[in-house]
Amino acid sequence: MVGIRVEFNELNSKEIEEGLRSVSIIKDGKKEEYEVIDTREKLLEYLEGCTDIGERKKRILVTFECINICGIFDNAIFLKRFKIDSYSKPKLDDSLYLSFTNCEFFSDIELLGGDYKRIKINESTIQKNIFIRFINCEKSRINNVIFKEDVIFENSEIGTLNINTSQIMDNLLFQKVTIFNDFIMDKVMSNKDLDFVDCMFEGLSKLQLSVNGELNFLQCSFYKKSEIDFDELNGKISLYKTNFSDKCYLEYELLTNKEYKPLIFEDNYKKTKWNFLIVSDIYKSSGRTEQFLTTFFYFKKYERLEKKNKGTYRFTLLDYLIGITTKYYTSWERTLLTMGVIIVAFFMLYCCFPNLLMCKDAPMSSKNLFETVFEMFINSNFDIHFLISKFGNTLYFTIITFTTVGYGDITPLNWMKLIVSLESFLGVFYTSSLVVALSRRFL
């Protein structure tokens, strides 16, 4: 029967008549001739002739449902489902080879079980879902492929997996997948979620991603060096209960610029806590001290929020002070600032009650030192030596009290003893906190 002309976008809805030998398909304004293959026998005959270069360049339009047919497919369009079921009869070969180059799939791809020598998908578009379950594959390579719906790998073992320069427009799920050698996702863009659940990566792992949804690793294990980098990060990252046995490089500049917001799930404190715990360990092992201290602080913060949300958190003043004034011993700058604020506060308090501080068996001053300054200002009669002496002695007493040196040349009276004791306690506490924060930062 004489061939017909069909727009590429109409292939999915247009019925291809039986008996057609060829179809002219127009795509992007360009017309190409496709041989129609509507039976299993014709497809097997085509695959047998694919050893010839001319045959491999021939374009084919497969109009029937392909079941358990393996081989090398070039320039092919599949209108119906493509399925390989190794559990069906007759039994398939022990070592399968599957290759698609410049192919279009208008229906689902299903690979159920089987031992594969290699699976290759290059320069292709998959309009529907791809399901890969219970397979063993020595090497799988996916280059420049567009997945328009879900991509699902489950309960499979793969030697080496490379996914390069591809776009995943819907969700991707890896569940209970073991990859024994290299796992590479390079220049991969996802519009929705990338989920890895109970997976094991036993070789080198390198991910270079553009994430617009969520990147989730749930109870996964990386046994060798791994690298997680981003071209773009517009979504979230979750590393819940994921283990990195070897060194992991995690993009830090982008996370720092975004103030670690991709790691924060405001509706899930538990997930956020785990994120910061794992990320802080990653930065610590890779020598990123500043990032480690920041993420460790967030871990402690969300750990407290999780307990509070569960109703198991009991508020304590000490816990509050540690969080606010030292960032859980991660910020020496914050600790030093707190020490300065405490010294200034107690200095001002002592200036208000100098009559309760004895210096050489006499009160340091009978009046509030600030009142004395105000009276001098009103009378335009400043005694600089007097002010330097009084304020200098008060500041001296504040500092030696905070540092617990205590020479004894100035002593407090009455209730001022309690105030001095409180300052001494805070001095010991924050001096120790400063030592801890400095050691974490520089040692």
Protein backbone atom coordinates (compact mmCIF):
# COMPACT_ATOMS: atom_id res chain seq x y z
CA MET A 1 0.00 0.00 0.00
CA VAL A 2 1.22 3.49 -0.82
CA GLY A 3 2.71 5.37 2.13
CA ILE A 4 1.03 8.29 3.87
CA ARG A 5 2.26 11.53 5.41
CA VAL A 6 1.86 12.01 9.18
CA GLU A 7 2.86 14.80 11.51
CA PHE A 8 5.09 13.47 14.28
CA ASN A 9 2.87 14.88 17.03
CA GLU A 10 -0.15 13.02 15.56
CA LEU A 11 1.47 9.58 15.64
CA ASN A 12 0.15 8.73 19.09
CA SER A 13 -3.46 9.40 18.14
CA LYS A 14 -3.50 8.34 14.49
CA GLU A 15 -4.20 4.73 13.54
CA ILE A 16 -1.67 3.27 11.13
CA GLU A 17 -3.54 1.15 8.58
CA GLU A 18 -2.58 -2.47 8.09
CA GLY A 19 -0.59 -3.24 5.01
CA LEU A 20 1.26 0.07 4.86
CA ARG A 21 4.88 -0.40 3.84
CA SER A 22 6.14 3.05 4.69
CA VAL A 23 5.13 6.32 6.30
CA SER A 24 6.46 9.82 5.74
CA ILE A 25 6.79 11.48 9.13
CA ILE A 26 7.21 15.23 9.37
CA LYS A 27 9.08 16.47 12.43
CA ASP A 28 10.34 20.01 12.96
CA GLY A 29 9.55 20.76 9.34
CA LYS A 30 11.70 17.90 8.07
CA LYS A 31 10.26 14.84 6.31
CA GLU A 32 11.72 11.36 6.86
CA GLU A 33 10.67 8.00 5.41
CA TYR A 34 9.99 5.19 7.93
CA GLU A 35 9.46 1.54 7.10
CA VAL A 36 6.39 0.20 8.90
CA ILE A 37 7.01 -2.92 10.98
CA ASP A 38 3.76 -4.38 12.24
CA THR A 39 4.69 -7.96 13.15
CA ARG A 40 7.18 -9.71 15.37
CA GLU A 41 8.63 -11.58 12.41
CA LYS A 42 9.41 -8.38 10.50
CA LEU A 43 11.13 -6.86 13.51
CA LEU A 44 13.27 -9.96 14.10
CA GLU A 45 14.21 -9.92 10.42
CA TYR A 46 15.20 -6.25 10.74
CA LEU A 47 17.36 -7.01 13.81
CA GLU A 48 19.12 -9.87 12.02
CA GLY A 49 20.04 -7.51 9.22
CA CYS A 50 21.33 -4.79 11.55
CA THR A 51 24.87 -6.05 11.16
CA ASP A 52 24.81 -4.26 7.81
CA ILE A 53 25.46 -0.51 8.18
CA GLY A 54 22.85 0.35 5.58
CA GLU A 55 20.19 -1.60 7.45
CA ARG A 56 21.06 0.14 10.72
CA LYS A 57 20.55 3.56 9.12
CA LYS A 58 17.07 2.59 7.89
CA ARG A 59 14.28 4.23 9.90
CA ILE A 60 11.48 2.03 11.23
CA LEU A 61 8.04 2.60 12.71
CA VAL A 62 7.04 -0.25 15.02
CA THR A 63 3.26 -0.39 15.36
CA PHE A 64 2.78 -3.53 17.46
CA GLU A 65 3.49 -4.30 21.12
CA CYS A 66 7.09 -5.54 21.40
CA ILE A 67 7.37 -8.37 23.90
CA ASN A 68 10.70 -10.04 24.68
CA ILE A 69 12.63 -8.76 21.68
CA CYS A 70 16.20 -7.65 22.37
CA GLY A 71 18.77 -6.17 20.04
CA ILE A 72 20.15 -2.97 18.58
CA PHE A 73 17.53 -0.40 17.56
CA ASP A 74 18.52 2.70 15.59
CA ASN A 75 16.19 5.41 14.29
CA ALA A 76 13.09 3.61 15.53
CA ILE A 77 9.68 4.82 16.67
CA PHE A 78 7.68 2.54 18.98
CA LEU A 79 3.97 3.30 19.12
CA LYS A 80 3.05 0.52 21.56
CA ARG A 81 4.57 -0.81 24.76
CA PHE A 82 8.08 -2.23 24.74
CA LYS A 83 8.40 -5.01 27.33
CA ILE A 84 10.96 -7.65 28.25
CA ASP A 85 9.74 -10.16 30.83
CA SER A 86 12.37 -12.73 31.70
CA TYR A 87 9.89 -14.67 33.82
CA SER A 88 7.67 -15.49 30.83
CA LYS A 89 8.07 -18.47 28.49
CA PRO A 90 9.98 -19.28 26.38
CA LYS A 91 12.94 -18.37 28.56
CA LEU A 92 15.24 -15.62 27.30
CA ASP A 93 19.00 -15.83 26.86
CA ASP A 94 21.20 -15.59 29.94
CA SER A 95 23.07 -12.55 28.63
CA LEU A 96 20.87 -9.92 26.99
CA TYR A 97 21.94 -6.87 25.02
CA LEU A 98 19.66 -3.89 24.51
CA SER A 99 20.53 -0.70 22.66
CA PHE A 100 18.40 2.25 21.52
CA THR A 101 19.84 5.14 19.50
CA ASN A 102 17.76 8.03 18.21
CA CYS A 103 14.53 6.30 19.18
CA GLU A 104 11.09 7.57 20.17
CA PHE A 105 8.76 5.75 22.56
CA PHE A 106 5.08 6.68 22.68
CA SER A 107 4.22 4.10 25.32
CA ASP A 108 5.80 2.51 28.39
CA ILE A 109 9.09 0.64 28.55
CA GLU A 110 9.13 -2.30 30.97
CA LEU A 111 12.15 -4.45 31.82
CA LEU A 112 11.21 -7.18 34.26
CA GLY A 113 14.04 -9.44 35.40
CA GLY A 114 16.84 -10.77 33.27
CA ASP A 115 20.64 -10.67 33.05
CA TYR A 116 21.87 -7.94 30.73
CA LYS A 117 25.33 -7.55 29.30
CA ARG A 118 24.60 -3.94 28.45
CA ILE A 119 21.71 -1.49 28.25
CA LYS A 120 22.24 1.65 26.16
CA ILE A 121 19.81 4.48 25.44
CA ASN A 122 21.21 7.34 23.37
CA GLU A 123 19.69 10.47 21.80
CA SER A 124 16.14 9.25 22.50
CA THR A 125 12.83 10.48 23.90
CA ILE A 126 10.57 8.40 26.14
CA GLN A 127 7.09 9.90 26.18
CA LYS A 128 5.70 7.57 28.86
CA ASN A 129 7.02 5.72 31.92
CA ILE A 130 10.04 3.46 32.08
CA PHE A 131 9.97 0.63 34.63
CA ILE A 132 13.09 -1.43 35.35
CA ARG A 133 12.68 -4.13 38.02
CA PHE A 134 14.63 -7.16 39.23
CA ILE A 135 17.35 -6.95 36.58
CA ASN A 136 21.09 -7.61 36.69
CA CYS A 137 23.11 -5.49 34.30
CA GLU A 138 26.88 -5.29 33.86
CA LYS A 139 26.86 -1.83 32.30
CA SER A 140 24.14 0.70 31.58
CA ARG A 141 24.63 3.99 29.77
CA ILE A 142 22.05 6.69 29.08
CA ASN A 143 23.07 9.72 27.01
CA ASN A 144 21.04 12.74 25.99
CA VAL A 145 17.66 11.21 26.74
CA ILE A 146 14.43 13.02 27.59
CA PHE A 147 12.16 11.20 30.04
CA LYS A 148 8.75 12.86 29.96
CA GLU A 149 7.15 10.73 32.67
CA ASP A 150 8.30 8.60 35.60
CA VAL A 151 11.60 6.69 35.65
CA ILE A 152 11.57 3.77 38.10
CA PHE A 153 14.43 1.39 38.99
CA GLU A 154 13.59 -1.20 41.65
CA ASN A 155 15.25 -4.24 43.22
CA SER A 156 18.06 -4.33 40.68
CA GLU A 157 21.83 -4.81 40.59
CA ILE A 158 23.92 -2.80 38.14
CA GLY A 159 27.65 -2.89 37.57
CA THR A 160 28.19 0.61 36.14
CA LEU A 161 25.52 3.24 35.54
CA ASN A 162 26.14 6.43 33.56
CA ILE A 163 23.36 8.96 32.93
CA ASN A 164 24.65 11.96 31.00
CA THR A 165 23.12 15.16 29.62
CA SER A 166 19.56 13.99 30.17
CA GLN A 167 16.31 15.58 31.28
CA ILE A 168 13.84 13.99 33.68
CA MET A 169 10.57 15.88 33.43
CA ASP A 170 8.67 13.83 36.02
CA ASN A 171 9.79 11.79 39.04
CA LEU A 172 12.73 9.41 39.27
CA LEU A 173 12.80 6.57 41.80
CA PHE A 174 15.68 4.23 42.65
CA GLN A 175 14.53 1.73 45.28
CA LYS A 176 16.67 -1.13 46.61
CA VAL A 177 19.18 -0.71 43.78
CA THR A 178 22.81 -1.75 44.19
CA ILE A 179 25.47 -0.24 41.92
CA PHE A 180 28.76 -2.09 42.25
CA ASN A 181 31.07 0.21 40.31
CA ASP A 182 30.81 3.80 39.09
CA PHE A 183 27.55 5.71 39.38
CA ILE A 184 27.60 8.87 37.28
CA MET A 185 24.81 11.39 36.72
CA ASP A 186 26.40 14.21 34.76
CA LYS A 187 24.50 17.28 33.54
CA VAL A 188 21.15 15.76 34.48
CA MET A 189 18.20 18.11 34.93
CA SER A 190 15.13 17.16 36.93
CA ASN A 191 11.85 19.05 36.99
CA LYS A 192 10.40 17.08 39.90
CA ASP A 193 11.70 14.69 42.56
CA LEU A 194 14.75 12.42 42.46
CA ASP A 195 14.27 9.71 45.09
CA PHE A 196 16.89 7.14 46.13
CA VAL A 197 15.55 4.70 48.73
CA ASP A 198 17.53 1.87 50.39
CA CYS A 199 20.21 2.00 47.69
CA MET A 200 23.85 0.96 47.92
CA PHE A 201 26.59 2.63 45.88
CA GLU A 202 29.74 0.55 46.18
CA GLY A 203 31.92 2.40 43.67
CA LEU A 204 32.74 6.01 42.82
CA SER A 205 29.62 8.22 42.77
CA LYS A 206 29.53 11.55 40.98
CA LEU A 207 26.36 13.60 40.60
CA GLN A 208 26.18 16.87 38.65
CA LEU A 209 22.54 17.91 38.80
CA SER A 210 20.06 20.68 38.16
CA VAL A 211 17.37 20.16 40.80
CA ASN A 212 13.99 21.87 40.63
CA GLY A 213 12.08 19.48 42.89
CA GLU A 214 13.49 17.42 45.76
CA LEU A 215 16.65 15.32 45.82
CA ASN A 216 16.01 12.63 48.42
CA PHE A 217 18.43 10.00 49.70
CA LEU A 218 16.62 7.77 52.21
CA GLN A 219 18.68 5.18 54.10
CA CYS A 220 21.27 4.93 51.33
CA SER A 221 24.92 3.93 51.66
CA PHE A 222 27.92 5.31 49.76
CA TYR A 223 30.95 3.07 50.28
CA LYS A 224 33.55 4.97 48.24
CA LYS A 225 34.26 8.57 47.35
CA SER A 226 31.22 10.52 46.28
CA GLU A 227 30.57 13.96 44.87
CA ILE A 228 27.26 15.79 44.82
CA ASP A 229 27.38 18.99 42.83
CA PHE A 230 24.74 21.26 41.37
CA ASP A 231 24.44 23.35 38.22
CA GLU A 232 21.19 24.71 39.66
CA LEU A 233 19.46 24.12 42.95
CA ASN A 234 15.92 25.45 43.10
CA GLY A 235 14.45 22.68 45.23
CA LYS A 236 15.26 20.77 48.41
CA ILE A 237 17.81 18.14 49.49
CA SER A 238 17.20 15.34 51.97
CA LEU A 239 19.88 12.94 53.27
CA TYR A 240 17.78 11.12 55.86
CA LYS A 241 19.76 8.31 57.51
CA THR A 242 22.22 8.16 54.62
CA ASN A 243 25.73 6.91 55.29
CA PHE A 244 28.95 8.08 53.61
CA SER A 245 31.72 5.61 54.47
CA ASP A 246 34.37 7.45 52.48
CA LYS A 247 34.91 11.12 51.74
CA CYS A 248 32.05 13.04 50.21
CA TYR A 249 32.28 16.37 48.42
CA LEU A 250 29.04 18.30 48.77
CA GLU A 251 28.52 21.62 46.98
CA TYR A 252 29.08 24.22 49.69
CA GLU A 253 29.24 27.58 47.90
CA LEU A 254 25.72 27.27 46.52
CA LEU A 255 24.33 26.05 49.85
CA THR A 256 26.10 28.86 51.70
CA ASN A 257 24.79 31.46 49.27
CA LYS A 258 21.27 30.10 49.78
CA GLU A 259 21.79 30.15 53.59
CA TYR A 260 21.26 26.37 53.68
CA LYS A 261 17.55 26.78 52.87
CA PRO A 262 17.52 23.73 50.53
CA LEU A 263 18.25 21.58 53.61
CA ILE A 264 15.40 23.04 55.69
CA PHE A 265 11.93 21.47 55.76
CA GLU A 266 9.86 23.71 58.02
CA ASP A 267 7.10 21.10 58.28
CA ASN A 268 9.50 18.26 59.11
CA TYR A 269 12.03 19.03 61.87
CA LYS A 270 13.20 15.41 61.99
CA LYS A 271 14.23 15.37 58.33
CA THR A 272 15.88 18.78 58.71
CA LYS A 273 17.80 17.62 61.78
CA TRP A 274 19.15 14.59 59.92
CA ASN A 275 20.09 16.76 56.96
CA PHE A 276 22.26 19.04 59.05
CA LEU A 277 23.75 16.18 61.08
CA ILE A 278 24.93 14.38 57.93
CA VAL A 279 26.02 17.54 56.12
CA SER A 280 28.00 18.72 59.16
CA ASP A 281 29.81 15.34 59.22
CA ILE A 282 30.56 15.68 55.50
CA TYR A 283 32.03 19.16 55.94
CA LYS A 284 34.00 18.09 59.01
CA SER A 285 35.60 15.13 57.22
CA SER A 286 36.44 17.29 54.19
CA GLY A 287 38.03 20.06 56.28
CA ARG A 288 35.34 22.69 55.67
CA THR A 289 35.51 24.02 59.22
CA GLU A 290 33.37 27.11 58.77
CA GLN A 291 30.62 25.18 57.00
CA PHE A 292 30.86 22.40 59.61
CA LEU A 293 30.32 24.81 62.50
CA THR A 294 27.37 26.50 60.79
CA THR A 295 25.61 23.26 59.90
CA PHE A 296 26.31 21.76 63.33
CA PHE A 297 24.60 24.77 64.91
CA TYR A 298 21.56 24.19 62.69
CA PHE A 299 21.57 20.51 63.67
CA LYS A 300 21.39 21.41 67.37
CA LYS A 301 18.74 24.02 66.67
CA TYR A 302 16.43 21.64 64.79
CA GLU A 303 17.11 18.84 67.25
CA ARG A 304 15.70 21.13 69.95
CA LEU A 305 12.75 22.13 67.73
CA GLU A 306 11.98 18.48 67.00
CA LYS A 307 11.87 17.64 70.71
CA LYS A 308 9.73 20.70 71.38
CA ASN A 309 7.34 19.72 68.59
CA LYS A 310 7.01 16.20 70.05
CA GLY A 311 6.35 17.59 73.52
CA THR A 312 9.43 15.89 74.96
CA TYR A 313 11.51 19.05 75.18
CA ARG A 314 11.93 20.64 78.63
CA PHE A 315 13.03 24.24 78.54
CA THR A 316 16.16 25.06 80.53
CA LEU A 317 17.84 28.43 80.90
CA LEU A 318 21.25 26.87 80.26
CA ASP A 319 20.15 25.36 76.95
CA TYR A 320 18.67 28.70 75.91
CA LEU A 321 21.86 30.58 76.84
CA ILE A 322 24.06 28.14 74.97
CA GLY A 323 21.98 28.38 71.81
CA ILE A 324 21.63 32.16 71.77
CA THR A 325 25.02 33.26 73.04
CA THR A 326 27.44 30.64 71.65
CA LYS A 327 25.53 28.93 68.81
CA TYR A 328 26.15 25.68 70.66
CA TYR A 329 29.88 26.36 70.95
CA THR A 330 30.29 26.80 67.19
CA SER A 331 30.84 30.59 66.99
CA TRP A 332 33.78 32.16 68.79
CA GLU A 333 32.69 35.54 67.42
CA ARG A 334 29.23 35.22 69.02
CA THR A 335 30.80 34.01 72.29
CA LEU A 336 33.28 36.90 72.36
CA LEU A 337 30.48 39.38 71.64
CA THR A 338 28.45 37.90 74.51
CA MET A 339 31.41 38.28 76.86
CA GLY A 340 31.75 41.93 75.87
CA VAL A 341 28.03 42.56 76.43
CA ILE A 342 28.20 40.94 79.89
CA ILE A 343 31.23 43.02 80.90
CA VAL A 344 29.55 46.25 79.74
CA ALA A 345 26.29 45.37 81.53
CA PHE A 346 27.99 44.67 84.86
CA PHE A 347 30.25 47.72 84.45
CA MET A 348 27.18 49.94 84.13
CA LEU A 349 25.57 48.24 87.13
CA TYR A 350 28.66 48.85 89.30
CA CYS A 351 28.74 52.48 88.14
CA CYS A 352 25.18 52.86 89.44
CA PHE A 353 26.09 51.53 92.91
CA PRO A 354 29.73 52.51 93.59
CA ASN A 355 28.87 52.95 97.26
CA LEU A 356 28.64 49.13 97.55
CA LEU A 357 32.21 48.66 96.35
CA MET A 358 34.93 49.17 98.96
CA CYS A 359 38.33 50.41 97.77
CA LYS A 360 41.06 50.98 100.41
CA ASP A 361 38.50 50.68 103.27
CA ALA A 362 36.27 53.39 101.77
CA PRO A 363 33.37 53.36 99.30
CA MET A 364 34.51 53.91 95.74
CA SER A 365 32.05 56.80 95.52
CA SER A 366 29.06 57.99 97.49
CA LYS A 367 27.06 58.81 94.34
CA ASN A 368 25.96 57.15 91.16
CA LEU A 369 28.83 57.81 88.75
CA PHE A 370 26.47 58.71 85.92
CA GLU A 371 24.79 61.30 88.16
CA THR A 372 28.20 62.73 88.95
CA VAL A 373 28.98 63.09 85.23
CA PHE A 374 25.61 64.77 84.64
CA GLU A 375 26.19 67.28 87.46
CA MET A 376 29.64 68.09 86.08
CA PHE A 377 28.06 68.66 82.67
CA ILE A 378 25.41 71.01 84.10
CA ASN A 379 27.99 72.96 86.08
CA SER A 380 30.56 72.85 83.29
CA ASN A 381 33.08 71.62 85.81
CA PHE A 382 34.69 68.42 84.56
CA ASP A 383 37.28 66.74 86.73
CA ILE A 384 38.98 64.44 84.24
CA HIS A 385 41.31 62.85 86.77
CA PHE A 386 38.37 62.06 89.05
CA LEU A 387 36.36 60.45 86.21
CA ILE A 388 39.30 58.41 84.94
CA SER A 389 40.00 57.20 88.46
CA LYS A 390 36.43 56.21 89.31
CA PHE A 391 35.40 54.73 85.95
CA GLY A 392 38.82 53.13 85.53
CA ASN A 393 38.61 51.40 88.90
CA THR A 394 35.07 50.24 88.16
CA LEU A 395 36.06 48.80 84.77
CA TYR A 396 39.11 47.18 86.36
CA PHE A 397 36.92 45.55 89.03
CA THR A 398 34.45 44.35 86.35
CA ILE A 399 37.18 42.67 84.29
CA ILE A 400 39.03 40.98 87.15
CA THR A 401 35.71 39.71 88.48
CA PHE A 402 34.67 38.33 85.06
CA THR A 403 38.02 36.63 84.62
CA THR A 404 37.92 35.41 88.28
CA VAL A 405 41.35 36.90 89.02
CA GLY A 406 40.07 38.72 92.13
CA TYR A 407 43.05 40.57 93.68
CA GLY A 408 40.90 41.64 96.66
CA ASP A 409 41.77 45.33 96.51
CA ILE A 410 38.11 46.11 95.74
CA THR A 411 35.40 44.20 97.60
CA PRO A 412 31.59 44.20 97.33
CA LEU A 413 29.11 44.85 100.17
CA ASN A 414 25.62 43.54 100.98
CA TRP A 415 23.56 42.28 98.00
CA MET A 416 26.29 43.36 95.60
CA LYS A 417 28.10 40.15 96.60
CA LEU A 418 25.41 38.15 94.78
CA ILE A 419 25.83 40.26 91.66
CA VAL A 420 29.61 39.83 91.75
CA SER A 421 29.19 36.06 92.21
CA LEU A 422 26.86 35.91 89.21
CA GLU A 423 29.39 37.77 87.06
CA SER A 424 32.15 35.39 88.17
CA PHE A 425 30.01 32.38 87.24
CA LEU A 426 29.22 33.83 83.81
CA GLY A 427 32.89 34.64 83.35
CA VAL A 428 33.97 31.05 83.99
CA PHE A 429 31.20 29.70 81.75
CA TYR A 430 31.83 31.95 78.75
CA THR A 431 35.61 31.83 79.00
CA SER A 432 35.38 28.04 78.78
CA SER A 433 32.87 28.37 75.93
CA LEU A 434 35.29 30.62 74.06
CA VAL A 435 38.07 28.06 74.42
CA VAL A 436 35.78 25.32 73.04
CA ALA A 437 34.61 27.48 70.12
CA LEU A 438 38.18 28.52 69.26
CA SER A 439 39.44 24.94 69.38
CA ARG A 440 36.63 23.81 67.06
CA ARG A 441 37.41 26.61 64.64
CA PHE A 442 41.20 26.50 64.53
CA LEU A 443 42.33 23.07 65.79
